[in-house]
Amino acid sequence: MKISAKQYAISLYESLKGKTDKTEVKKVLHNFVAILGKGNNLNKESEIIEIFENIWNIENGELKAELTSARELSKESRETVVNYLKEKSGAKKIVLEEYTDGKILGGFILKYNNRIIDGSLRSSLGELGAQLEG
């Protein structure tokens, strides 16, 4: 039976849940890596870590998001994005990674929970062009 990266991540999360002692955590991680090795699944480690991180964040009320815009956001704009994400996701804490990209003429691209909100000027102009053609 093949075990998916998601199943591994859930198993790791459940194994680590409530553990605070470093020795205990190291033992769980050591055993987990050994199990991955036995099943020839070490190549799934990146995917497992990503899924594990998502599970951890959800269980702890935290949401990780990426915001790319043409220029740095003002404090008010950043707060608006954070409040929007809290409302949409129900998360208590938002970890917002901000990037600037000169290729974005205006607007923003927001990524969170495998969702993408493309509010960039390029995207808006593309949609307008498609509507005019159709």
N, C-alpha and C. Protein backbone atom coordinates (compact mmCIF):
# COMPACT_ATOMS: atom_id res chain seq x y z
N MET A 1 0.84 -1.18 0.00
CA MET A 1 0.00 0.00 0.00
C MET A 1 0.89 1.25 0.00
N LYS A 2 0.61 2.15 -0.92
CA LYS A 2 1.37 3.39 -0.98
C LYS A 2 0.79 4.39 0.00
N ILE A 3 1.70 5.07 0.68
CA ILE A 3 1.28 6.09 1.64
C ILE A 3 1.56 7.45 1.01
N SER A 4 0.56 8.31 1.03
CA SER A 4 0.71 9.63 0.41
C SER A 4 1.46 10.58 1.33
N ALA A 5 1.96 11.65 0.75
CA ALA A 5 2.66 12.67 1.53
C ALA A 5 1.72 13.25 2.59
N LYS A 6 0.46 13.40 2.24
CA LYS A 6 -0.52 13.94 3.19
C LYS A 6 -0.69 13.00 4.38
N GLN A 7 -0.76 11.70 4.11
CA GLN A 7 -0.90 10.73 5.19
C GLN A 7 0.32 10.76 6.11
N TYR A 8 1.50 10.86 5.50
CA TYR A 8 2.72 10.97 6.31
C TYR A 8 2.69 12.24 7.17
N ALA A 9 2.30 13.36 6.56
CA ALA A 9 2.28 14.64 7.29
C ALA A 9 1.30 14.59 8.46
N ILE A 10 0.13 14.01 8.24
CA ILE A 10 -0.86 13.88 9.31
C ILE A 10 -0.31 12.99 10.42
N SER A 11 0.32 11.90 10.03
CA SER A 11 0.90 10.98 11.01
C SER A 11 1.98 11.68 11.83
N LEU A 12 2.84 12.45 11.17
CA LEU A 12 3.89 13.18 11.88
C LEU A 12 3.28 14.19 12.84
N TYR A 13 2.27 14.91 12.37
CA TYR A 13 1.62 15.90 13.24
C TYR A 13 1.03 15.23 14.47
N GLU A 14 0.31 14.14 14.27
CA GLU A 14 -0.32 13.43 15.39
C GLU A 14 0.73 12.89 16.35
N SER A 15 1.88 12.44 15.81
CA SER A 15 2.95 11.90 16.65
C SER A 15 3.62 12.98 17.49
N LEU A 16 3.67 14.20 16.96
CA LEU A 16 4.34 15.30 17.66
C LEU A 16 3.40 16.12 18.54
N LYS A 17 2.12 15.94 18.34
CA LYS A 17 1.11 16.73 19.06
C LYS A 17 1.29 16.59 20.57
N GLY A 18 1.43 17.74 21.23
CA GLY A 18 1.55 17.75 22.67
C GLY A 18 2.94 17.47 23.21
N LYS A 19 3.87 17.14 22.33
CA LYS A 19 5.24 16.86 22.77
C LYS A 19 6.00 18.16 22.93
N THR A 20 6.60 18.37 24.10
CA THR A 20 7.39 19.57 24.34
C THR A 20 8.84 19.25 24.69
N ASP A 21 9.08 18.02 25.12
CA ASP A 21 10.43 17.61 25.48
C ASP A 21 11.27 17.40 24.22
N LYS A 22 12.42 18.06 24.14
CA LYS A 22 13.27 17.99 22.94
C LYS A 22 13.71 16.56 22.63
N THR A 23 14.00 15.79 23.66
CA THR A 23 14.45 14.41 23.46
C THR A 23 13.33 13.58 22.82
N GLU A 24 12.12 13.80 23.30
CA GLU A 24 10.95 13.10 22.75
C GLU A 24 10.73 13.48 21.28
N VAL A 25 10.81 14.77 21.00
CA VAL A 25 10.61 15.26 19.63
C VAL A 25 11.67 14.68 18.71
N LYS A 26 12.93 14.68 19.14
CA LYS A 26 14.01 14.11 18.33
C LYS A 26 13.78 12.63 18.04
N LYS A 27 13.31 11.91 19.05
CA LYS A 27 13.04 10.48 18.88
C LYS A 27 11.94 10.25 17.85
N VAL A 28 10.86 11.03 17.94
CA VAL A 28 9.76 10.91 16.97
C VAL A 28 10.28 11.21 15.57
N LEU A 29 11.05 12.29 15.42
CA LEU A 29 11.58 12.66 14.11
C LEU A 29 12.53 11.60 13.57
N HIS A 30 13.37 11.07 14.43
CA HIS A 30 14.30 10.02 14.01
C HIS A 30 13.53 8.80 13.50
N ASN A 31 12.54 8.37 14.26
CA ASN A 31 11.72 7.22 13.86
C ASN A 31 10.96 7.51 12.56
N PHE A 32 10.48 8.73 12.43
CA PHE A 32 9.73 9.11 11.23
C PHE A 32 10.63 9.02 9.99
N VAL A 33 11.83 9.56 10.09
CA VAL A 33 12.77 9.52 8.96
C VAL A 33 13.13 8.07 8.64
N ALA A 34 13.29 7.24 9.66
CA ALA A 34 13.59 5.82 9.44
C ALA A 34 12.45 5.14 8.67
N ILE A 35 11.22 5.46 9.04
CA ILE A 35 10.05 4.89 8.34
C ILE A 35 10.04 5.35 6.88
N LEU A 36 10.32 6.63 6.65
CA LEU A 36 10.38 7.13 5.27
C LEU A 36 11.45 6.38 4.48
N GLY A 37 12.60 6.17 5.10
CA GLY A 37 13.69 5.46 4.43
C GLY A 37 13.32 4.03 4.10
N LYS A 38 12.69 3.34 5.04
CA LYS A 38 12.28 1.93 4.81
C LYS A 38 11.31 1.83 3.63
N GLY A 39 10.44 2.80 3.52
CA GLY A 39 9.45 2.77 2.45
C GLY A 39 9.93 3.44 1.16
N ASN A 40 11.21 3.78 1.11
CA ASN A 40 11.78 4.50 -0.05
C ASN A 40 10.98 5.75 -0.38
N ASN A 41 10.63 6.50 0.66
CA ASN A 41 9.81 7.70 0.47
C ASN A 41 10.52 8.98 0.90
N LEU A 42 11.84 8.93 1.04
CA LEU A 42 12.58 10.13 1.43
C LEU A 42 12.41 11.24 0.39
N ASN A 43 12.13 10.87 -0.85
CA ASN A 43 11.92 11.87 -1.91
C ASN A 43 10.64 12.69 -1.71
N LYS A 44 9.78 12.29 -0.80
CA LYS A 44 8.54 13.01 -0.52
C LYS A 44 8.71 14.06 0.58
N GLU A 45 9.93 14.20 1.11
CA GLU A 45 10.14 15.04 2.29
C GLU A 45 9.71 16.48 2.10
N SER A 46 9.96 17.09 0.96
CA SER A 46 9.56 18.50 0.75
C SER A 46 8.04 18.65 0.81
N GLU A 47 7.36 17.74 0.14
CA GLU A 47 5.89 17.78 0.13
C GLU A 47 5.33 17.51 1.52
N ILE A 48 5.92 16.57 2.23
CA ILE A 48 5.48 16.25 3.59
C ILE A 48 5.65 17.45 4.50
N ILE A 49 6.79 18.11 4.40
CA ILE A 49 7.05 19.28 5.24
C ILE A 49 6.06 20.40 4.94
N GLU A 50 5.77 20.62 3.67
CA GLU A 50 4.81 21.67 3.29
C GLU A 50 3.42 21.37 3.84
N ILE A 51 2.97 20.14 3.69
CA ILE A 51 1.65 19.75 4.19
C ILE A 51 1.62 19.81 5.71
N PHE A 52 2.70 19.31 6.35
CA PHE A 52 2.80 19.36 7.81
C PHE A 52 2.69 20.79 8.31
N GLU A 53 3.41 21.70 7.65
CA GLU A 53 3.38 23.12 8.04
C GLU A 53 1.96 23.68 7.94
N ASN A 54 1.24 23.32 6.87
CA ASN A 54 -0.15 23.78 6.72
C ASN A 54 -1.04 23.24 7.84
N ILE A 55 -0.88 21.96 8.15
CA ILE A 55 -1.67 21.36 9.23
C ILE A 55 -1.36 22.06 10.55
N TRP A 56 -0.07 22.24 10.83
CA TRP A 56 0.37 22.90 12.07
C TRP A 56 -0.25 24.29 12.18
N ASN A 57 -0.17 25.04 11.10
CA ASN A 57 -0.69 26.41 11.10
C ASN A 57 -2.20 26.43 11.32
N ILE A 58 -2.92 25.55 10.65
CA ILE A 58 -4.37 25.50 10.80
C ILE A 58 -4.74 25.14 12.24
N GLU A 59 -4.08 24.13 12.78
CA GLU A 59 -4.38 23.68 14.15
C GLU A 59 -4.04 24.75 15.19
N ASN A 60 -3.09 25.62 14.86
CA ASN A 60 -2.67 26.67 15.79
C ASN A 60 -3.23 28.04 15.43
N GLY A 61 -4.20 28.07 14.50
CA GLY A 61 -4.88 29.31 14.15
C GLY A 61 -4.01 30.31 13.41
N GLU A 62 -3.04 29.78 12.66
CA GLU A 62 -2.10 30.65 11.95
C GLU A 62 -2.24 30.43 10.44
N LEU A 63 -2.16 31.50 9.69
CA LEU A 63 -2.24 31.41 8.24
C LEU A 63 -1.02 32.09 7.63
N LYS A 64 -0.39 31.40 6.72
CA LYS A 64 0.76 31.95 6.01
C LYS A 64 0.29 32.39 4.63
N ALA A 65 0.64 33.63 4.26
CA ALA A 65 0.21 34.16 2.97
C ALA A 65 1.35 34.94 2.32
N GLU A 66 1.30 35.03 0.99
CA GLU A 66 2.28 35.80 0.23
C GLU A 66 1.55 36.90 -0.53
N LEU A 67 2.08 38.10 -0.45
CA LEU A 67 1.50 39.22 -1.17
C LEU A 67 2.59 39.85 -2.03
N THR A 68 2.35 39.89 -3.32
CA THR A 68 3.29 40.51 -4.25
C THR A 68 2.61 41.72 -4.86
N SER A 69 3.31 42.86 -4.80
CA SER A 69 2.74 44.09 -5.34
C SER A 69 3.84 44.89 -6.06
N ALA A 70 3.41 45.91 -6.77
CA ALA A 70 4.34 46.73 -7.53
C ALA A 70 5.28 47.51 -6.61
N ARG A 71 4.76 47.93 -5.49
CA ARG A 71 5.57 48.67 -4.52
C ARG A 71 5.14 48.29 -3.11
N GLU A 72 5.94 48.69 -2.15
CA GLU A 72 5.67 48.37 -0.76
C GLU A 72 4.32 48.93 -0.32
N LEU A 73 3.58 48.12 0.44
CA LEU A 73 2.26 48.55 0.92
C LEU A 73 2.37 49.52 2.08
N SER A 74 1.38 50.39 2.17
CA SER A 74 1.29 51.28 3.33
C SER A 74 0.82 50.44 4.52
N LYS A 75 0.98 50.97 5.71
CA LYS A 75 0.56 50.28 6.92
C LYS A 75 -0.94 49.98 6.87
N GLU A 76 -1.73 50.95 6.39
CA GLU A 76 -3.19 50.77 6.31
C GLU A 76 -3.56 49.67 5.32
N SER A 77 -2.89 49.64 4.17
CA SER A 77 -3.18 48.61 3.16
C SER A 77 -2.82 47.23 3.68
N ARG A 78 -1.69 47.16 4.38
CA ARG A 78 -1.27 45.88 4.95
C ARG A 78 -2.30 45.40 5.97
N GLU A 79 -2.78 46.28 6.83
CA GLU A 79 -3.79 45.93 7.83
C GLU A 79 -5.08 45.47 7.16
N THR A 80 -5.44 46.10 6.05
CA THR A 80 -6.64 45.70 5.31
C THR A 80 -6.50 44.27 4.80
N VAL A 81 -5.33 43.94 4.25
CA VAL A 81 -5.09 42.59 3.74
C VAL A 81 -5.12 41.58 4.90
N VAL A 82 -4.47 41.89 6.00
CA VAL A 82 -4.43 41.00 7.15
C VAL A 82 -5.85 40.77 7.69
N ASN A 83 -6.64 41.82 7.82
CA ASN A 83 -8.02 41.68 8.30
C ASN A 83 -8.87 40.87 7.34
N TYR A 84 -8.68 41.07 6.04
CA TYR A 84 -9.39 40.30 5.02
C TYR A 84 -9.08 38.80 5.20
N LEU A 85 -7.79 38.49 5.34
CA LEU A 85 -7.38 37.10 5.49
C LEU A 85 -7.93 36.48 6.77
N LYS A 86 -7.93 37.23 7.85
CA LYS A 86 -8.49 36.72 9.11
C LYS A 86 -9.97 36.40 8.94
N GLU A 87 -10.68 37.31 8.27
CA GLU A 87 -12.12 37.12 8.06
C GLU A 87 -12.40 35.91 7.17
N LYS A 88 -11.64 35.78 6.07
CA LYS A 88 -11.88 34.70 5.12
C LYS A 88 -11.46 33.33 5.65
N SER A 89 -10.38 33.30 6.43
CA SER A 89 -9.82 32.02 6.86
C SER A 89 -10.20 31.62 8.28
N GLY A 90 -10.57 32.60 9.09
CA GLY A 90 -10.84 32.32 10.49
C GLY A 90 -9.57 32.20 11.33
N ALA A 91 -8.42 32.49 10.72
CA ALA A 91 -7.15 32.40 11.43
C ALA A 91 -7.03 33.52 12.46
N LYS A 92 -6.33 33.22 13.56
CA LYS A 92 -6.12 34.22 14.59
C LYS A 92 -4.87 35.05 14.29
N LYS A 93 -3.90 34.42 13.62
CA LYS A 93 -2.64 35.09 13.33
C LYS A 93 -2.32 34.93 11.85
N ILE A 94 -1.92 36.02 11.21
CA ILE A 94 -1.54 36.00 9.80
C ILE A 94 -0.04 36.27 9.70
N VAL A 95 0.65 35.39 9.00
CA VAL A 95 2.07 35.60 8.71
C VAL A 95 2.11 35.98 7.23
N LEU A 96 2.32 37.27 7.00
CA LEU A 96 2.26 37.80 5.64
C LEU A 96 3.67 38.08 5.13
N GLU A 97 4.05 37.35 4.09
CA GLU A 97 5.33 37.59 3.43
C GLU A 97 5.06 38.54 2.27
N GLU A 98 5.74 39.66 2.27
CA GLU A 98 5.51 40.68 1.24
C GLU A 98 6.68 40.74 0.27
N TYR A 99 6.35 40.84 -1.01
CA TYR A 99 7.34 40.96 -2.06
C TYR A 99 6.95 42.10 -2.98
N THR A 100 7.93 42.76 -3.55
CA THR A 100 7.66 43.75 -4.59
C THR A 100 8.21 43.20 -5.90
N ASP A 101 7.48 43.47 -6.98
CA ASP A 101 7.87 42.99 -8.30
C ASP A 101 7.56 44.08 -9.31
N GLY A 102 8.60 44.58 -9.95
CA GLY A 102 8.44 45.65 -10.93
C GLY A 102 7.63 45.25 -12.15
N LYS A 103 7.46 43.94 -12.37
CA LYS A 103 6.67 43.46 -13.52
C LYS A 103 5.18 43.68 -13.30
N ILE A 104 4.80 43.85 -12.03
CA ILE A 104 3.40 44.13 -11.72
C ILE A 104 3.23 45.64 -11.83
N LEU A 105 2.43 46.06 -12.79
CA LEU A 105 2.26 47.50 -13.03
C LEU A 105 1.49 48.18 -11.91
N GLY A 106 0.57 47.48 -11.32
CA GLY A 106 -0.25 48.00 -10.24
C GLY A 106 -1.06 46.87 -9.65
N GLY A 107 -1.62 47.10 -8.50
CA GLY A 107 -2.42 46.06 -7.85
C GLY A 107 -1.56 45.09 -7.07
N PHE A 108 -2.04 43.84 -6.97
CA PHE A 108 -1.34 42.85 -6.14
C PHE A 108 -1.72 41.44 -6.56
N ILE A 109 -0.95 40.48 -6.08
CA ILE A 109 -1.27 39.06 -6.19
C ILE A 109 -1.14 38.49 -4.79
N LEU A 110 -2.22 37.89 -4.28
CA LEU A 110 -2.26 37.34 -2.93
C LEU A 110 -2.42 35.83 -3.01
N LYS A 111 -1.52 35.10 -2.32
CA LYS A 111 -1.58 33.64 -2.31
C LYS A 111 -1.71 33.16 -0.87
N TYR A 112 -2.70 32.28 -0.64
CA TYR A 112 -2.88 31.67 0.67
C TYR A 112 -3.74 30.42 0.53
N ASN A 113 -3.50 29.42 1.37
CA ASN A 113 -4.29 28.18 1.37
C ASN A 113 -4.56 27.64 -0.03
N ASN A 114 -3.56 27.57 -0.85
CA ASN A 114 -3.69 27.09 -2.24
C ASN A 114 -4.67 27.92 -3.07
N ARG A 115 -4.87 29.17 -2.67
CA ARG A 115 -5.72 30.09 -3.42
C ARG A 115 -4.86 31.24 -3.93
N ILE A 116 -5.26 31.79 -5.06
CA ILE A 116 -4.57 32.95 -5.61
C ILE A 116 -5.61 33.99 -5.96
N ILE A 117 -5.43 35.17 -5.42
CA ILE A 117 -6.28 36.31 -5.79
C ILE A 117 -5.40 37.24 -6.60
N ASP A 118 -5.71 37.32 -7.88
CA ASP A 118 -4.90 38.14 -8.78
C ASP A 118 -5.62 39.45 -9.03
N GLY A 119 -5.22 40.45 -8.28
CA GLY A 119 -5.79 41.79 -8.43
C GLY A 119 -4.81 42.71 -9.12
N SER A 120 -3.94 42.12 -9.95
CA SER A 120 -2.94 42.93 -10.64
C SER A 120 -3.56 43.65 -11.82
N LEU A 121 -2.95 44.75 -12.18
CA LEU A 121 -3.42 45.53 -13.32
C LEU A 121 -3.34 44.70 -14.59
N ARG A 122 -2.27 43.93 -14.74
CA ARG A 122 -2.10 43.08 -15.93
C ARG A 122 -3.26 42.12 -16.08
N SER A 123 -3.64 41.47 -14.98
CA SER A 123 -4.76 40.53 -15.01
C SER A 123 -6.06 41.23 -15.35
N SER A 124 -6.29 42.39 -14.74
CA SER A 124 -7.52 43.16 -15.01
C SER A 124 -7.59 43.58 -16.47
N LEU A 125 -6.47 44.02 -17.01
CA LEU A 125 -6.45 44.43 -18.42
C LEU A 125 -6.68 43.23 -19.33
N GLY A 126 -6.12 42.08 -18.96
CA GLY A 126 -6.33 40.86 -19.74
C GLY A 126 -7.80 40.45 -19.76
N GLU A 127 -8.46 40.55 -18.61
CA GLU A 127 -9.89 40.22 -18.53
C GLU A 127 -10.72 41.20 -19.36
N LEU A 128 -10.36 42.48 -19.29
CA LEU A 128 -11.07 43.47 -20.07
C LEU A 128 -10.92 43.21 -21.56
N GLY A 129 -9.70 42.88 -21.97
CA GLY A 129 -9.44 42.56 -23.38
C GLY A 129 -10.25 41.36 -23.84
N ALA A 130 -10.34 40.35 -23.01
CA ALA A 130 -11.12 39.15 -23.34
C ALA A 130 -12.59 39.47 -23.47
N GLN A 131 -13.11 40.37 -22.62
CA GLN A 131 -14.51 40.76 -22.69
C GLN A 131 -14.78 41.55 -23.96
N LEU A 132 -13.85 42.39 -24.34
CA LEU A 132 -14.02 43.18 -25.56
C LEU A 132 -13.98 42.32 -26.81
N GLU A 133 -13.17 41.27 -26.79
CA GLU A 133 -13.08 40.36 -27.94
C GLU A 133 -14.31 39.47 -28.05
N GLY A 134 -14.86 39.09 -26.90
CA GLY A 134 -15.95 38.11 -26.88
C GLY A 134 -17.23 38.76 -26.96
